[in-house]
Amino acid sequence: MNAGPADELQALRAQLAAARADTEEFARMVSHDLRAPLRHVLAYGGLLREMLESGEDVAPALDTLERAARQLGERLDAVVALARLARAPLQPVHTPGALLVEEARRLALAALPEADRARTIAWQIAPDLPPLPGDAPQLRQALAALLANALKFTRPRGAARIEVGAAAAGDGGVRLYVRDNGVGFDPAHAAQLFQPFSRLHGARFEGLGTGLALVRQVARRHGGSVHAEGRPDQGCTVWLALPPLARPAA
């Protein structure tokens, strides 16, 4: 059955709501999440002046200032990347799920720190993954972020296990999941996982906390959704729901 005007209007409204949410998220990132490293830069600038005037050793303060400036630069790069993702035109098609997952897996493995590449990882990727509806480059990015997340948080495991599966929904959409046996998280904070620069595990793991924010943005742009399930020390499952491709009107 072809989509009618009402379906098209509903899809446009959903896209508009997603765009507004992304705009609000972007404003929050710029106004809030970038202030912490900026405060460090400004504070240590004044401190350096005082130390120089008193003849103190400024090397420790310079180190802190350099770290804060580097962190600010990394966060700005992340904000720019998310902003570009939000503006990139979508070219929705059906792409074989197995192909996208394998490409994403290679990207995630290539980004591992050198010391991490000798790890034992048991991959359990469903052999019957359905075609994934959406913009292939953005879906590949989202899947790579999900797998990179699983790789990171299974690092403490002697035998890491990462599972990928999916099922076709009755409406033509797809529900895909990435499950791991990593450190998990407190389910009370599940919503925070998808906030940019949110790091529930603090300095225990590296990263800026933008991977799952990217996944959420891709899901929103496609009219889909993403959510996570987990328990402390019992692993994590992230579900990505993608709606069917819009059918052209007759």
Protein backbone atom coordinates (compact mmCIF):
# COMPACT_ATOMS: atom_id res chain seq x y z
CA MET A 1 0.00 0.00 0.00
CA ASN A 2 1.36 3.40 -0.97
CA ALA A 3 1.84 6.14 1.58
CA GLY A 4 -0.83 8.81 1.55
CA PRO A 5 -0.70 12.51 2.43
CA ALA A 6 -1.45 11.79 6.10
CA ASP A 7 1.51 9.39 6.34
CA GLU A 8 3.80 11.88 4.63
CA LEU A 9 2.66 14.66 6.99
CA GLN A 10 3.26 12.46 10.01
CA ALA A 11 6.77 11.60 8.76
CA LEU A 12 7.56 15.29 8.17
CA ARG A 13 6.35 16.17 11.67
CA ALA A 14 8.56 13.45 13.15
CA GLN A 15 11.56 14.77 11.22
CA LEU A 16 10.84 18.31 12.39
CA ALA A 17 10.57 17.18 16.02
CA ALA A 18 13.88 15.32 15.69
CA ALA A 19 15.52 18.40 14.15
CA ARG A 20 14.29 20.59 17.00
CA ALA A 21 15.54 18.09 19.58
CA ASP A 22 18.94 17.98 17.91
CA THR A 23 19.10 21.79 17.82
CA GLU A 24 18.31 21.97 21.54
CA GLU A 25 20.92 19.28 22.24
CA PHE A 26 23.51 21.19 20.23
CA ALA A 27 22.79 24.42 22.15
CA ARG A 28 23.12 22.56 25.45
CA MET A 29 26.46 21.09 24.41
CA VAL A 30 27.87 24.47 23.44
CA SER A 31 26.53 26.31 26.49
CA HIS A 32 27.20 23.66 29.15
CA ASP A 33 29.51 20.82 28.19
CA LEU A 34 32.24 23.02 26.75
CA ARG A 35 32.37 25.34 29.74
CA ALA A 36 34.32 23.02 32.07
CA PRO A 37 37.55 22.85 30.01
CA LEU A 38 37.17 26.53 29.13
CA ARG A 39 36.99 27.41 32.83
CA HIS A 40 40.23 25.50 33.38
CA VAL A 41 41.96 27.39 30.59
CA LEU A 42 40.83 30.76 31.93
CA ALA A 43 41.59 29.92 35.56
CA TYR A 44 45.09 28.63 34.85
CA GLY A 45 45.82 31.59 32.61
CA GLY A 46 45.42 33.87 35.62
CA LEU A 47 47.31 31.45 37.87
CA LEU A 48 50.24 31.35 35.47
CA ARG A 49 50.50 35.13 35.53
CA GLU A 50 50.66 35.10 39.35
CA MET A 51 53.23 32.30 39.39
CA LEU A 52 55.45 34.06 36.88
CA GLU A 53 55.33 37.25 38.92
CA SER A 54 56.35 35.38 42.07
CA GLY A 55 59.06 33.34 40.35
CA GLU A 56 57.40 29.95 40.92
CA ASP A 57 57.85 26.89 38.71
CA VAL A 58 55.06 27.10 36.13
CA ALA A 59 55.60 23.66 34.55
CA PRO A 60 52.80 21.88 36.50
CA ALA A 61 50.32 24.65 35.71
CA LEU A 62 51.35 24.59 32.03
CA ASP A 63 50.73 20.82 31.93
CA THR A 64 47.24 21.30 33.35
CA LEU A 65 46.54 24.15 30.96
CA GLU A 66 47.68 22.04 28.01
CA ARG A 67 45.42 19.13 29.04
CA ALA A 68 42.43 21.45 29.41
CA ALA A 69 43.08 23.05 26.02
CA ARG A 70 43.42 19.63 24.40
CA GLN A 71 40.18 18.46 26.00
CA LEU A 72 38.41 21.58 24.78
CA GLY A 73 39.68 20.97 21.25
CA GLU A 74 38.54 17.33 21.32
CA ARG A 75 35.08 18.33 22.52
CA LEU A 76 34.81 21.01 19.84
CA ASP A 77 35.74 18.42 17.20
CA ALA A 78 33.04 16.11 18.57
CA VAL A 79 30.43 18.88 18.47
CA VAL A 80 31.36 19.69 14.86
CA ALA A 81 31.11 16.00 13.92
CA LEU A 82 27.63 15.71 15.45
CA ALA A 83 26.53 18.94 13.76
CA ARG A 84 27.73 17.67 10.37
CA LEU A 85 25.93 14.40 10.93
CA ALA A 86 22.70 16.29 11.63
CA ARG A 87 22.99 18.24 8.36
CA ALA A 88 24.17 15.47 6.05
CA PRO A 89 21.54 14.56 3.43
CA LEU A 90 20.00 11.11 3.87
CA GLN A 91 19.93 8.63 1.01
CA PRO A 92 17.78 5.82 2.43
CA VAL A 93 18.12 2.40 0.84
CA HIS A 94 18.02 -1.23 1.96
CA THR A 95 21.55 -2.50 2.69
CA PRO A 96 22.39 -6.09 3.64
CA GLY A 97 22.64 -6.20 7.42
CA ALA A 98 25.58 -8.62 7.39
CA LEU A 99 27.57 -6.28 5.16
CA LEU A 100 26.97 -3.20 7.33
CA VAL A 101 27.77 -5.05 10.55
CA GLU A 102 31.00 -6.49 9.16
CA GLU A 103 32.12 -3.09 7.87
CA ALA A 104 31.27 -1.54 11.23
CA ARG A 105 33.13 -4.32 13.06
CA ARG A 106 36.27 -3.63 11.04
CA LEU A 107 36.03 0.09 11.78
CA ALA A 108 35.61 -0.55 15.51
CA LEU A 109 38.53 -2.99 15.64
CA ALA A 110 40.78 -0.63 13.67
CA ALA A 111 40.13 2.10 16.24
CA LEU A 112 41.18 -0.07 19.20
CA PRO A 113 44.27 1.05 21.13
CA GLU A 114 47.35 -0.95 20.13
CA ALA A 115 47.52 -2.68 23.51
CA ASP A 116 43.92 -3.87 23.09
CA ARG A 117 44.25 -5.67 19.77
CA ALA A 118 45.47 -8.99 21.13
CA ARG A 119 42.35 -9.50 23.23
CA THR A 120 40.21 -12.61 22.93
CA ILE A 121 36.79 -11.58 21.66
CA ALA A 122 34.01 -14.05 20.87
CA TRP A 123 31.83 -12.55 18.13
CA GLN A 124 28.31 -13.93 17.79
CA ILE A 125 26.81 -12.29 14.73
CA ALA A 126 23.49 -13.67 13.55
CA PRO A 127 23.85 -15.23 10.08
CA ASP A 128 20.35 -14.13 9.02
CA LEU A 129 20.49 -10.39 9.63
CA PRO A 130 17.78 -8.67 7.59
CA PRO A 131 18.45 -5.75 5.24
CA LEU A 132 18.71 -2.50 7.21
CA PRO A 133 16.57 0.42 6.00
CA GLY A 134 18.23 3.81 5.98
CA ASP A 135 21.25 5.83 4.93
CA ALA A 136 24.08 3.30 4.69
CA PRO A 137 26.98 5.59 5.74
CA GLN A 138 25.10 6.83 8.81
CA LEU A 139 23.97 3.35 9.80
CA ARG A 140 27.57 2.14 9.42
CA GLN A 141 28.72 4.95 11.74
CA ALA A 142 26.06 4.10 14.31
CA LEU A 143 26.89 0.38 14.25
CA ALA A 144 30.62 1.10 14.54
CA ALA A 145 29.90 3.28 17.59
CA LEU A 146 27.82 0.51 19.17
CA LEU A 147 30.52 -2.11 18.58
CA ALA A 148 33.27 0.24 19.79
CA ASN A 149 31.24 0.77 22.93
CA ALA A 150 30.93 -2.99 23.46
CA LEU A 151 34.65 -3.49 22.84
CA LYS A 152 35.57 -0.81 25.37
CA PHE A 153 33.36 -2.01 28.19
CA THR A 154 34.25 -5.70 27.80
CA ARG A 155 37.96 -4.94 28.28
CA PRO A 156 38.00 -6.16 31.92
CA ARG A 157 36.65 -9.56 30.81
CA GLY A 158 39.07 -12.39 30.24
CA ALA A 159 36.79 -13.66 27.48
CA ALA A 160 34.78 -10.85 25.95
CA ARG A 161 31.56 -11.75 24.16
CA ILE A 162 29.78 -9.45 21.71
CA GLU A 163 26.53 -10.49 20.05
CA VAL A 164 24.69 -8.82 17.18
CA GLY A 165 21.20 -9.81 16.13
CA ALA A 166 18.13 -8.32 14.53
CA ALA A 167 14.57 -9.08 13.59
CA ALA A 168 12.33 -7.64 10.93
CA ALA A 169 9.32 -5.82 12.36
CA GLY A 170 5.84 -6.41 11.01
CA ASP A 171 5.69 -2.93 9.46
CA GLY A 172 8.85 -3.45 7.40
CA GLY A 173 11.19 -1.89 9.92
CA VAL A 174 14.03 -3.59 11.80
CA ARG A 175 15.00 -3.95 15.48
CA LEU A 176 18.72 -4.58 15.84
CA TYR A 177 20.63 -5.21 19.06
CA VAL A 178 24.24 -5.28 20.23
CA ARG A 179 24.76 -7.27 23.44
CA ASP A 180 27.95 -7.68 25.46
CA ASN A 181 29.14 -9.26 28.70
CA GLY A 182 30.93 -6.12 29.86
CA VAL A 183 30.75 -4.04 33.00
CA GLY A 184 27.14 -2.99 32.45
CA PHE A 185 25.58 0.05 34.08
CA ASP A 186 23.01 1.15 36.64
CA PRO A 187 19.64 1.06 34.84
CA ALA A 188 18.53 4.12 36.81
CA HIS A 189 20.94 6.11 34.63
CA ALA A 190 20.05 4.51 31.29
CA ALA A 191 18.81 7.77 29.73
CA GLN A 192 22.12 9.49 30.49
CA LEU A 193 24.00 7.03 28.29
CA PHE A 194 22.83 8.85 25.17
CA GLN A 195 23.64 12.38 26.38
CA PRO A 196 26.69 13.89 24.67
CA PHE A 197 29.80 13.86 26.87
CA SER A 198 28.08 11.64 29.44
CA ARG A 199 30.53 9.17 31.00
CA LEU A 200 28.81 7.01 33.61
CA HIS A 201 32.02 5.11 34.35
CA GLY A 202 34.15 8.24 34.78
CA ALA A 203 37.89 8.05 34.13
CA ARG A 204 37.91 4.24 34.32
CA PHE A 205 37.42 4.12 30.55
CA GLU A 206 38.74 6.46 27.88
CA GLY A 207 36.62 8.50 25.48
CA LEU A 208 34.54 11.65 25.33
CA GLY A 209 31.13 10.03 25.79
CA THR A 210 29.81 10.87 22.32
CA GLY A 211 29.50 7.42 20.72
CA LEU A 212 25.99 6.62 21.94
CA ALA A 213 24.96 10.25 21.36
CA LEU A 214 25.87 9.69 17.71
CA VAL A 215 23.77 6.51 17.65
CA ARG A 216 20.79 8.39 19.06
CA GLN A 217 21.17 11.15 16.49
CA VAL A 218 21.24 8.64 13.62
CA ALA A 219 18.17 6.90 15.04
CA ARG A 220 16.30 10.20 15.35
CA ARG A 221 17.19 11.27 11.84
CA HIS A 222 15.69 8.04 10.54
CA GLY A 223 12.55 8.37 12.64
CA GLY A 224 13.68 5.48 14.82
CA SER A 225 14.73 5.05 18.42
CA VAL A 226 17.45 3.59 20.61
CA HIS A 227 17.51 2.37 24.19
CA ALA A 228 19.80 0.38 26.45
CA GLU A 229 19.29 -2.37 29.00
CA GLY A 230 21.82 -3.52 31.55
CA ARG A 231 22.88 -4.18 35.12
CA PRO A 232 26.14 -3.47 36.92
CA ASP A 233 28.68 -6.17 36.06
CA GLN A 234 26.08 -8.03 33.96
CA GLY A 235 26.66 -6.60 30.51
CA CYS A 236 24.62 -4.33 28.30
CA THR A 237 22.21 -4.61 25.39
CA VAL A 238 21.54 -1.64 23.11
CA TRP A 239 18.48 -1.80 20.86
CA LEU A 240 18.27 0.23 17.64
CA ALA A 241 14.83 0.43 16.00
CA LEU A 242 14.66 1.57 12.39
CA PRO A 243 11.33 2.27 10.67
CA PRO A 244 10.57 1.06 7.14
CA LEU A 245 11.59 3.19 4.19
CA ALA A 246 8.91 5.58 3.07
CA ARG A 247 7.13 4.36 -0.03
CA PRO A 248 6.68 6.84 -2.87
CA ALA A 249 3.14 8.04 -3.45
CA ALA A 250 1.32 6.54 -6.44
